[in-house]
Amino acid sequence: MGKSMAGHIQRAGYDLQVYTRTKSKAGELIAHGAGWHDDIASCVKNADAVCTMVGFVNDVEEVYFQPQGILDSAKRGALLIDFTTTSPTLSKRIYAAAKARGLAALDAPVSGGDVGAKNAALSIMAGGDEEAYYRALPLFELLGTPHYTGAAGSGQHTKMANQIAICGAISGVCEAMAYAEAAGLDTANMLECIGGGAAGSWQLKNMAPRMLKGDFAPGFFVKHQVKDLRIAIEEAQKRGITLPVLNEAASRYEQLLTNGEGENGTQALIHSYLPANE
């Protein structure tokens, strides 16, 4: 997703400088003129805007807080935008540390998966100061549909609500397919029938066909879904609320991870309902 997003920014004429742990992943961007850097400090030191999209909470913490990381190296006045889905608590820490250094920070997780990133059709959920949001708006509009959600951390909380809704929707798709098989239905026909009615959803339209074809290539990794749902459960527990659908879906994704399916896409959840489905 990060490569696709950076590509939209590059094609819009911005001077793009890149750093990744694996240089080959940025090869296409470099071939089209992006500047390559061997470390974070040299990549961000002259940037007006620094955008991050990494995997896990500890990755976000590392790139921002390590010595010679983003917070140490970005120039005063720079805008920091973290597109990673991460902990709201960490986003607030980044915001406070950035502000103390004369920087502006936004947490701006996205939804839409690989297809949304490629098609510039992401939903962008931004938290932080409203002034910083409007500074970032020209970049956001290159990537999809931006939304201002409130103070620092609000973008991450909105993304948690998004993930909770998704896990319920994809679980419902899997259960419908399991029921159809048990009832002896033509599953493809069933999906076509219900897809145009009240049961229709993005998950049914996009993920169910992949499940039927045995296509478990990741638009969004199981391992990242597990990370997100762990955060959602932790945040729900802090607020004293019980979300049984979230807990059930998270348990099934945790089992997929244990079974070695972390590199599969989230549609692999069907294996939790139809283990023989390949």
C-alpha atoms as a PDB file:
ATOM      1  CA  MET A   1       0.000   0.000   0.000  1.00  0.00           C
ATOM      2  CA  GLY A   2       2.797   2.417   0.858  1.00  0.00           C
ATOM      3  CA  LYS A   3       4.353   2.109  -2.591  1.00  0.00           C
ATOM      4  CA  SER A   4       1.051   2.815  -4.332  1.00  0.00           C
ATOM      5  CA  MET A   5       0.358   5.799  -2.090  1.00  0.00           C
ATOM      6  CA  ALA A   6       3.846   7.238  -2.617  1.00  0.00           C
ATOM      7  CA  GLY A   7       3.429   6.752  -6.353  1.00  0.00           C
ATOM      8  CA  HIS A   8       0.338   8.969  -6.428  1.00  0.00           C
ATOM      9  CA  ILE A   9       2.240  11.697  -4.599  1.00  0.00           C
ATOM     10  CA  GLN A  10       5.207  11.345  -6.954  1.00  0.00           C
ATOM     11  CA  ARG A  11       3.048  11.518 -10.088  1.00  0.00           C
ATOM     12  CA  ALA A  12       1.456  14.710  -8.782  1.00  0.00           C
ATOM     13  CA  GLY A  13       4.864  16.376  -9.100  1.00  0.00           C
ATOM     14  CA  TYR A  14       6.101  16.373  -5.528  1.00  0.00           C
ATOM     15  CA  ASP A  15       9.800  15.799  -4.831  1.00  0.00           C
ATOM     16  CA  LEU A  16       9.724  12.315  -3.315  1.00  0.00           C
ATOM     17  CA  GLN A  17      12.488  11.031  -1.066  1.00  0.00           C
ATOM     18  CA  VAL A  18      12.216   7.469   0.233  1.00  0.00           C
ATOM     19  CA  TYR A  19      13.637   5.158   2.860  1.00  0.00           C
ATOM     20  CA  THR A  20      12.560   1.577   3.516  1.00  0.00           C
ATOM     21  CA  ARG A  21      14.237  -1.312   5.270  1.00  0.00           C
ATOM     22  CA  THR A  22      14.107  -3.255   1.992  1.00  0.00           C
ATOM     23  CA  LYS A  23      15.323  -1.054  -0.861  1.00  0.00           C
ATOM     24  CA  SER A  24      13.915  -3.308  -3.577  1.00  0.00           C
ATOM     25  CA  LYS A  25      10.372  -2.477  -2.446  1.00  0.00           C
ATOM     26  CA  ALA A  26      11.008   1.122  -3.494  1.00  0.00           C
ATOM     27  CA  GLY A  27      12.611   0.151  -6.816  1.00  0.00           C
ATOM     28  CA  GLU A  28       9.750   1.353  -9.000  1.00  0.00           C
ATOM     29  CA  LEU A  29       9.612   4.726  -7.214  1.00  0.00           C
ATOM     30  CA  ILE A  30      13.383   5.141  -7.531  1.00  0.00           C
ATOM     31  CA  ALA A  31      13.236   4.258 -11.221  1.00  0.00           C
ATOM     32  CA  HIS A  32      10.777   7.119 -11.702  1.00  0.00           C
ATOM     33  CA  GLY A  33      12.995   9.645  -9.977  1.00  0.00           C
ATOM     34  CA  ALA A  34      12.512   9.289  -6.240  1.00  0.00           C
ATOM     35  CA  GLY A  35      15.608   9.939  -4.162  1.00  0.00           C
ATOM     36  CA  TRP A  36      16.854   6.971  -2.136  1.00  0.00           C
ATOM     37  CA  HIS A  37      18.287   7.269   1.383  1.00  0.00           C
ATOM     38  CA  ASP A  38      20.078   4.690   3.478  1.00  0.00           C
ATOM     39  CA  ASP A  39      18.746   6.060   6.770  1.00  0.00           C
ATOM     40  CA  ILE A  40      15.786   7.916   8.188  1.00  0.00           C
ATOM     41  CA  ALA A  41      17.700  11.040   9.203  1.00  0.00           C
ATOM     42  CA  SER A  42      18.949  11.918   5.717  1.00  0.00           C
ATOM     43  CA  CYS A  43      15.560  11.096   4.198  1.00  0.00           C
ATOM     44  CA  VAL A  44      13.515  13.448   6.355  1.00  0.00           C
ATOM     45  CA  LYS A  45      15.868  16.297   7.239  1.00  0.00           C
ATOM     46  CA  ASN A  46      14.779  18.629   4.411  1.00  0.00           C
ATOM     47  CA  ALA A  47      11.207  17.422   4.005  1.00  0.00           C
ATOM     48  CA  ASP A  48       8.196  19.683   4.404  1.00  0.00           C
ATOM     49  CA  ALA A  49       6.039  16.589   4.972  1.00  0.00           C
ATOM     50  CA  VAL A  50       7.127  13.203   6.303  1.00  0.00           C
ATOM     51  CA  CYS A  51       4.765  10.278   5.618  1.00  0.00           C
ATOM     52  CA  THR A  52       5.075   6.873   7.255  1.00  0.00           C
ATOM     53  CA  MET A  53       3.352   3.572   6.501  1.00  0.00           C
ATOM     54  CA  VAL A  54       4.924   0.690   8.424  1.00  0.00           C
ATOM     55  CA  GLY A  55       3.718  -2.620   9.813  1.00  0.00           C
ATOM     56  CA  PHE A  56       3.398  -2.808  13.579  1.00  0.00           C
ATOM     57  CA  VAL A  57       3.174  -0.604  16.658  1.00  0.00           C
ATOM     58  CA  ASN A  58       6.814  -1.198  17.571  1.00  0.00           C
ATOM     59  CA  ASP A  59       7.826  -0.217  14.015  1.00  0.00           C
ATOM     60  CA  VAL A  60       6.023   3.113  14.378  1.00  0.00           C
ATOM     61  CA  GLU A  61       7.643   3.735  17.755  1.00  0.00           C
ATOM     62  CA  GLU A  62      11.068   2.893  16.325  1.00  0.00           C
ATOM     63  CA  VAL A  63      10.961   5.138  13.262  1.00  0.00           C
ATOM     64  CA  TYR A  64       9.704   8.113  15.270  1.00  0.00           C
ATOM     65  CA  PHE A  65      11.515   7.825  18.610  1.00  0.00           C
ATOM     66  CA  GLN A  66      14.838   6.101  17.884  1.00  0.00           C
ATOM     67  CA  PRO A  67      17.979   8.267  17.953  1.00  0.00           C
ATOM     68  CA  GLN A  68      18.294   9.924  14.538  1.00  0.00           C
ATOM     69  CA  GLY A  69      14.706   8.927  13.851  1.00  0.00           C
ATOM     70  CA  ILE A  70      11.962  11.162  12.515  1.00  0.00           C
ATOM     71  CA  LEU A  71      11.429  13.273  15.635  1.00  0.00           C
ATOM     72  CA  ASP A  72      15.155  13.857  16.017  1.00  0.00           C
ATOM     73  CA  SER A  73      15.752  14.633  12.365  1.00  0.00           C
ATOM     74  CA  ALA A  74      12.764  16.452  10.845  1.00  0.00           C
ATOM     75  CA  LYS A  75      13.191  20.188  10.358  1.00  0.00           C
ATOM     76  CA  ARG A  76      11.234  22.591  12.513  1.00  0.00           C
ATOM     77  CA  GLY A  77       7.785  23.232  11.064  1.00  0.00           C
ATOM     78  CA  ALA A  78       7.603  19.941   9.179  1.00  0.00           C
ATOM     79  CA  LEU A  79       4.340  18.029   9.001  1.00  0.00           C
ATOM     80  CA  LEU A  80       4.466  14.399  10.171  1.00  0.00           C
ATOM     81  CA  ILE A  81       1.748  12.069   8.859  1.00  0.00           C
ATOM     82  CA  ASP A  82       1.531   8.485  10.068  1.00  0.00           C
ATOM     83  CA  PHE A  83      -0.717   6.383   7.828  1.00  0.00           C
ATOM     84  CA  THR A  84      -0.063   3.220   9.861  1.00  0.00           C
ATOM     85  CA  THR A  85      -2.872   1.695  11.899  1.00  0.00           C
ATOM     86  CA  THR A  86      -1.383   1.807  15.359  1.00  0.00           C
ATOM     87  CA  SER A  87      -2.170   2.469  19.016  1.00  0.00           C
ATOM     88  CA  PRO A  88      -4.095   5.685  19.743  1.00  0.00           C
ATOM     89  CA  THR A  89      -1.909   6.073  22.830  1.00  0.00           C
ATOM     90  CA  LEU A  90       1.233   5.998  20.685  1.00  0.00           C
ATOM     91  CA  SER A  91      -0.265   8.511  18.253  1.00  0.00           C
ATOM     92  CA  LYS A  92      -0.859  10.884  21.150  1.00  0.00           C
ATOM     93  CA  ARG A  93       2.751  10.428  22.277  1.00  0.00           C
ATOM     94  CA  ILE A  94       4.002  11.242  18.789  1.00  0.00           C
ATOM     95  CA  TYR A  95       1.748  14.307  18.657  1.00  0.00           C
ATOM     96  CA  ALA A  96       3.038  15.627  21.997  1.00  0.00           C
ATOM     97  CA  ALA A  97       6.689  14.934  21.173  1.00  0.00           C
ATOM     98  CA  ALA A  98       6.298  16.567  17.766  1.00  0.00           C
ATOM     99  CA  LYS A  99       4.658  19.654  19.206  1.00  0.00           C
ATOM    100  CA  ALA A 100       7.475  20.040  21.734  1.00  0.00           C
ATOM    101  CA  ARG A 101       9.944  20.100  18.828  1.00  0.00           C
ATOM    102  CA  GLY A 102       8.022  22.615  16.714  1.00  0.00           C
ATOM    103  CA  LEU A 103       6.565  19.936  14.430  1.00  0.00           C
ATOM    104  CA  ALA A 104       2.965  19.091  13.534  1.00  0.00           C
ATOM    105  CA  ALA A 105       1.762  15.483  13.670  1.00  0.00           C
ATOM    106  CA  LEU A 106      -1.312  13.702  12.350  1.00  0.00           C
ATOM    107  CA  ASP A 107      -2.410  10.109  12.830  1.00  0.00           C
ATOM    108  CA  ALA A 108      -4.074   9.234   9.527  1.00  0.00           C
ATOM    109  CA  PRO A 109      -4.801   5.511   9.188  1.00  0.00           C
ATOM    110  CA  VAL A 110      -6.491   4.420   5.984  1.00  0.00           C
ATOM    111  CA  SER A 111      -9.013   1.851   4.838  1.00  0.00           C
ATOM    112  CA  GLY A 112      -9.502   0.344   1.403  1.00  0.00           C
ATOM    113  CA  GLY A 113      -6.699  -2.198   1.159  1.00  0.00           C
ATOM    114  CA  ASP A 114      -4.412  -2.722  -1.803  1.00  0.00           C
ATOM    115  CA  VAL A 115      -7.171  -1.954  -4.305  1.00  0.00           C
ATOM    116  CA  GLY A 116      -7.993   1.338  -2.625  1.00  0.00           C
ATOM    117  CA  ALA A 117      -4.322   2.303  -2.483  1.00  0.00           C
ATOM    118  CA  LYS A 118      -3.766   1.536  -6.177  1.00  0.00           C
ATOM    119  CA  ASN A 119      -6.912   3.368  -7.256  1.00  0.00           C
ATOM    120  CA  ALA A 120      -6.447   6.387  -4.956  1.00  0.00           C
ATOM    121  CA  ALA A 121      -9.729   5.430  -3.321  1.00  0.00           C
ATOM    122  CA  LEU A 122      -8.687   5.121   0.321  1.00  0.00           C
ATOM    123  CA  SER A 123     -10.741   6.422   3.202  1.00  0.00           C
ATOM    124  CA  ILE A 124      -8.344   8.534   5.281  1.00  0.00           C
ATOM    125  CA  MET A 125      -9.135   9.122   8.976  1.00  0.00           C
ATOM    126  CA  ALA A 126      -7.022  11.981  10.310  1.00  0.00           C
ATOM    127  CA  GLY A 127      -6.559  13.004  13.927  1.00  0.00           C
ATOM    128  CA  GLY A 128      -4.595  15.989  15.224  1.00  0.00           C
ATOM    129  CA  ASP A 129      -4.792  19.752  15.006  1.00  0.00           C
ATOM    130  CA  GLU A 130      -7.251  20.984  12.414  1.00  0.00           C
ATOM    131  CA  GLU A 131      -4.654  23.410  11.039  1.00  0.00           C
ATOM    132  CA  ALA A 132      -2.299  20.481  10.364  1.00  0.00           C
ATOM    133  CA  TYR A 133      -5.131  18.572   8.688  1.00  0.00           C
ATOM    134  CA  TYR A 134      -5.704  21.385   6.204  1.00  0.00           C
ATOM    135  CA  ARG A 135      -1.981  21.559   5.501  1.00  0.00           C
ATOM    136  CA  ALA A 136      -2.063  17.852   4.677  1.00  0.00           C
ATOM    137  CA  LEU A 137      -5.270  18.013   2.643  1.00  0.00           C
ATOM    138  CA  PRO A 138      -3.582  18.402  -0.796  1.00  0.00           C
ATOM    139  CA  LEU A 139      -1.660  15.169  -0.139  1.00  0.00           C
ATOM    140  CA  PHE A 140      -4.675  13.361   1.272  1.00  0.00           C
ATOM    141  CA  GLU A 141      -6.781  14.238  -1.753  1.00  0.00           C
ATOM    142  CA  LEU A 142      -4.258  12.476  -3.992  1.00  0.00           C
ATOM    143  CA  LEU A 143      -4.882   9.250  -2.089  1.00  0.00           C
ATOM    144  CA  GLY A 144      -8.629   9.098  -1.615  1.00  0.00           C
ATOM    145  CA  THR A 145     -11.320  10.649   0.554  1.00  0.00           C
ATOM    146  CA  PRO A 146     -10.014  12.409   3.672  1.00  0.00           C
ATOM    147  CA  HIS A 147     -11.960  12.882   6.897  1.00  0.00           C
ATOM    148  CA  TYR A 148     -11.025  15.005   9.892  1.00  0.00           C
ATOM    149  CA  THR A 149     -11.920  13.032  13.024  1.00  0.00           C
ATOM    150  CA  GLY A 150     -10.771  15.271  15.881  1.00  0.00           C
ATOM    151  CA  ALA A 151      -7.840  15.537  18.264  1.00  0.00           C
ATOM    152  CA  ALA A 152      -4.691  13.395  18.162  1.00  0.00           C
ATOM    153  CA  GLY A 153      -5.534   9.698  18.426  1.00  0.00           C
ATOM    154  CA  SER A 154      -9.020  10.175  16.974  1.00  0.00           C
ATOM    155  CA  GLY A 155      -7.914   8.879  13.591  1.00  0.00           C
ATOM    156  CA  GLN A 156      -6.744   5.648  15.207  1.00  0.00           C
ATOM    157  CA  HIS A 157      -9.947   5.294  17.227  1.00  0.00           C
ATOM    158  CA  THR A 158     -11.956   5.762  14.030  1.00  0.00           C
ATOM    159  CA  LYS A 159      -9.850   3.086  12.338  1.00  0.00           C
ATOM    160  CA  MET A 160     -10.529   0.738  15.267  1.00  0.00           C
ATOM    161  CA  ALA A 161     -14.263   1.241  14.684  1.00  0.00           C
ATOM    162  CA  ASN A 162     -13.617   0.491  11.015  1.00  0.00           C
ATOM    163  CA  GLN A 163     -11.804  -2.749  11.840  1.00  0.00           C
ATOM    164  CA  ILE A 164     -14.526  -3.818  14.254  1.00  0.00           C
ATOM    165  CA  ALA A 165     -17.148  -3.307  11.537  1.00  0.00           C
ATOM    166  CA  ILE A 166     -15.033  -5.164   8.963  1.00  0.00           C
ATOM    167  CA  CYS A 167     -14.422  -8.190  11.157  1.00  0.00           C
ATOM    168  CA  GLY A 168     -18.168  -8.510  11.714  1.00  0.00           C
ATOM    169  CA  ALA A 169     -18.902  -8.135   8.003  1.00  0.00           C
ATOM    170  CA  ILE A 170     -16.337 -10.663   6.797  1.00  0.00           C
ATOM    171  CA  SER A 171     -17.376 -13.098   9.532  1.00  0.00           C
ATOM    172  CA  GLY A 172     -20.951 -12.796   8.290  1.00  0.00           C
ATOM    173  CA  VAL A 173     -19.817 -13.564   4.734  1.00  0.00           C
ATOM    174  CA  CYS A 174     -17.953 -16.651   5.930  1.00  0.00           C
ATOM    175  CA  GLU A 175     -20.925 -17.881   7.930  1.00  0.00           C
ATOM    176  CA  ALA A 176     -23.263 -17.379   4.964  1.00  0.00           C
ATOM    177  CA  MET A 177     -20.901 -19.419   2.787  1.00  0.00           C
ATOM    178  CA  ALA A 178     -20.622 -22.153   5.434  1.00  0.00           C
ATOM    179  CA  TYR A 179     -24.404 -22.304   5.690  1.00  0.00           C
ATOM    180  CA  ALA A 180     -24.797 -22.424   1.903  1.00  0.00           C
ATOM    181  CA  GLU A 181     -22.411 -25.360   1.660  1.00  0.00           C
ATOM    182  CA  ALA A 182     -24.158 -27.217   4.490  1.00  0.00           C
ATOM    183  CA  ALA A 183     -27.518 -26.636   2.770  1.00  0.00           C
ATOM    184  CA  GLY A 184     -26.208 -27.946  -0.546  1.00  0.00           C
ATOM    185  CA  LEU A 185     -26.523 -24.599  -2.361  1.00  0.00           C
ATOM    186  CA  ASP A 186     -24.437 -23.337  -5.239  1.00  0.00           C
ATOM    187  CA  THR A 187     -22.395 -20.884  -3.196  1.00  0.00           C
ATOM    188  CA  ALA A 188     -21.565 -18.606  -6.127  1.00  0.00           C
ATOM    189  CA  ASN A 189     -25.251 -18.388  -7.006  1.00  0.00           C
ATOM    190  CA  MET A 190     -26.141 -17.651  -3.385  1.00  0.00           C
ATOM    191  CA  LEU A 191     -23.632 -14.799  -3.228  1.00  0.00           C
ATOM    192  CA  GLU A 192     -24.977 -13.318  -6.449  1.00  0.00           C
ATOM    193  CA  CYS A 193     -28.521 -13.510  -5.107  1.00  0.00           C
ATOM    194  CA  ILE A 194     -27.847 -11.818  -1.791  1.00  0.00           C
ATOM    195  CA  GLY A 195     -25.194  -9.380  -3.034  1.00  0.00           C
ATOM    196  CA  GLY A 196     -27.755  -7.101  -4.634  1.00  0.00           C
ATOM    197  CA  GLY A 197     -29.938  -6.916  -1.538  1.00  0.00           C
ATOM    198  CA  ALA A 198     -29.617  -5.742   2.039  1.00  0.00           C
ATOM    199  CA  ALA A 199     -26.802  -8.243   2.692  1.00  0.00           C
ATOM    200  CA  GLY A 200     -24.572  -6.616   0.087  1.00  0.00           C
ATOM    201  CA  SER A 201     -21.279  -5.184   1.391  1.00  0.00           C
ATOM    202  CA  TRP A 202     -17.748  -4.393   0.292  1.00  0.00           C
ATOM    203  CA  GLN A 203     -16.563  -7.590   1.976  1.00  0.00           C
ATOM    204  CA  LEU A 204     -19.131  -9.722   0.170  1.00  0.00           C
ATOM    205  CA  LYS A 205     -18.418  -8.099  -3.190  1.00  0.00           C
ATOM    206  CA  ASN A 206     -14.622  -8.191  -2.963  1.00  0.00           C
ATOM    207  CA  MET A 207     -13.630 -10.958  -0.571  1.00  0.00           C
ATOM    208  CA  ALA A 208     -16.201 -13.674  -1.209  1.00  0.00           C
ATOM    209  CA  PRO A 209     -15.100 -14.147  -4.857  1.00  0.00           C
ATOM    210  CA  ARG A 210     -11.499 -14.498  -3.691  1.00  0.00           C
ATOM    211  CA  MET A 211     -12.575 -17.118  -1.167  1.00  0.00           C
ATOM    212  CA  LEU A 212     -14.453 -19.043  -3.854  1.00  0.00           C
ATOM    213  CA  LYS A 213     -11.416 -19.035  -6.154  1.00  0.00           C
ATOM    214  CA  GLY A 214      -9.043 -20.077  -3.386  1.00  0.00           C
ATOM    215  CA  ASP A 215      -7.228 -16.764  -3.802  1.00  0.00           C
ATOM    216  CA  PHE A 216      -5.710 -15.858  -0.456  1.00  0.00           C
ATOM    217  CA  ALA A 217      -3.150 -13.349  -1.714  1.00  0.00           C
ATOM    218  CA  PRO A 218      -3.055 -10.444   0.711  1.00  0.00           C
ATOM    219  CA  GLY A 219      -4.794  -7.185   0.111  1.00  0.00           C
ATOM    220  CA  PHE A 220      -4.410  -6.877   3.866  1.00  0.00           C
ATOM    221  CA  PHE A 221      -2.411  -9.445   5.825  1.00  0.00           C
ATOM    222  CA  VAL A 222      -3.887 -11.699   8.503  1.00  0.00           C
ATOM    223  CA  LYS A 223      -0.913 -10.749  10.710  1.00  0.00           C
ATOM    224  CA  HIS A 224      -1.845  -7.068  10.426  1.00  0.00           C
ATOM    225  CA  GLN A 225      -5.502  -7.809  11.084  1.00  0.00           C
ATOM    226  CA  VAL A 226      -4.483  -9.599  14.276  1.00  0.00           C
ATOM    227  CA  LYS A 227      -2.440  -6.553  15.291  1.00  0.00           C
ATOM    228  CA  ASP A 228      -5.370  -4.219  14.666  1.00  0.00           C
ATOM    229  CA  LEU A 229      -7.918  -6.358  16.487  1.00  0.00           C
ATOM    230  CA  ARG A 230      -5.607  -6.682  19.494  1.00  0.00           C
ATOM    231  CA  ILE A 231      -5.471  -2.884  19.669  1.00  0.00           C
ATOM    232  CA  ALA A 232      -9.259  -2.639  19.327  1.00  0.00           C
ATOM    233  CA  ILE A 233      -9.801  -5.145  22.143  1.00  0.00           C
ATOM    234  CA  GLU A 234      -7.302  -3.346  24.387  1.00  0.00           C
ATOM    235  CA  GLU A 235      -8.976   0.020  23.764  1.00  0.00           C
ATOM    236  CA  ALA A 236     -12.439  -1.475  24.367  1.00  0.00           C
ATOM    237  CA  GLN A 237     -11.265  -3.006  27.647  1.00  0.00           C
ATOM    238  CA  LYS A 238      -9.877   0.351  28.788  1.00  0.00           C
ATOM    239  CA  ARG A 239     -13.369   1.752  28.339  1.00  0.00           C
ATOM    240  CA  GLY A 240     -15.134  -1.125  30.055  1.00  0.00           C
ATOM    241  CA  ILE A 241     -17.098  -2.296  27.034  1.00  0.00           C
ATOM    242  CA  THR A 242     -17.569  -5.855  25.786  1.00  0.00           C
ATOM    243  CA  LEU A 243     -17.714  -6.469  22.034  1.00  0.00           C
ATOM    244  CA  PRO A 244     -18.486 -10.163  21.506  1.00  0.00           C
ATOM    245  CA  VAL A 245     -18.372 -10.131  17.680  1.00  0.00           C
ATOM    246  CA  LEU A 246     -14.953  -8.477  17.794  1.00  0.00           C
ATOM    247  CA  ASN A 247     -13.719 -10.991  20.348  1.00  0.00           C
ATOM    248  CA  GLU A 248     -14.966 -13.974  18.317  1.00  0.00           C
ATOM    249  CA  ALA A 249     -13.437 -12.727  15.067  1.00  0.00           C
ATOM    250  CA  ALA A 250     -10.168 -11.873  16.807  1.00  0.00           C
ATOM    251  CA  SER A 251      -9.988 -15.385  18.261  1.00  0.00           C
ATOM    252  CA  ARG A 252     -10.437 -16.915  14.816  1.00  0.00           C
ATOM    253  CA  TYR A 253      -7.774 -14.663  13.286  1.00  0.00           C
ATOM    254  CA  GLU A 254      -5.401 -15.496  16.136  1.00  0.00           C
ATOM    255  CA  GLN A 255      -5.878 -19.175  15.286  1.00  0.00           C
ATOM    256  CA  LEU A 256      -5.105 -18.514  11.617  1.00  0.00           C
ATOM    257  CA  LEU A 257      -1.896 -16.807  12.715  1.00  0.00           C
ATOM    258  CA  THR A 258      -1.011 -19.796  14.899  1.00  0.00           C
ATOM    259  CA  ASN A 259      -1.686 -22.072  11.916  1.00  0.00           C
ATOM    260  CA  GLY A 260       0.875 -20.238   9.801  1.00  0.00           C
ATOM    261  CA  GLU A 261      -1.520 -18.104   7.754  1.00  0.00           C
ATOM    262  CA  GLY A 262      -0.177 -14.719   8.809  1.00  0.00           C
ATOM    263  CA  GLU A 263       0.989 -13.874   5.282  1.00  0.00           C
ATOM    264  CA  ASN A 264      -2.417 -14.651   3.765  1.00  0.00           C
ATOM    265  CA  GLY A 265      -5.085 -12.035   3.166  1.00  0.00           C
ATOM    266  CA  THR A 266      -7.920 -11.509   5.607  1.00  0.00           C
ATOM    267  CA  GLN A 267     -10.251 -13.531   3.350  1.00  0.00           C
ATOM    268  CA  ALA A 268      -8.442 -16.610   4.715  1.00  0.00           C
ATOM    269  CA  LEU A 269     -10.935 -16.349   7.587  1.00  0.00           C
ATOM    270  CA  ILE A 270     -13.057 -18.776   5.522  1.00  0.00           C
ATOM    271  CA  HIS A 271     -10.610 -21.499   6.637  1.00  0.00           C
ATOM    272  CA  SER A 272     -11.947 -21.038  10.141  1.00  0.00           C
ATOM    273  CA  TYR A 273     -15.401 -22.031   8.892  1.00  0.00           C
ATOM    274  CA  LEU A 274     -14.563 -24.315   5.963  1.00  0.00           C
ATOM    275  CA  PRO A 275     -11.098 -25.741   6.703  1.00  0.00           C
ATOM    276  CA  ALA A 276     -11.128 -27.897   3.566  1.00  0.00           C
ATOM    277  CA  ASN A 277     -11.680 -24.841   1.347  1.00  0.00           C
ATOM    278  CA  GLU A 278      -8.415 -24.290  -0.539  1.00  0.00           C
END
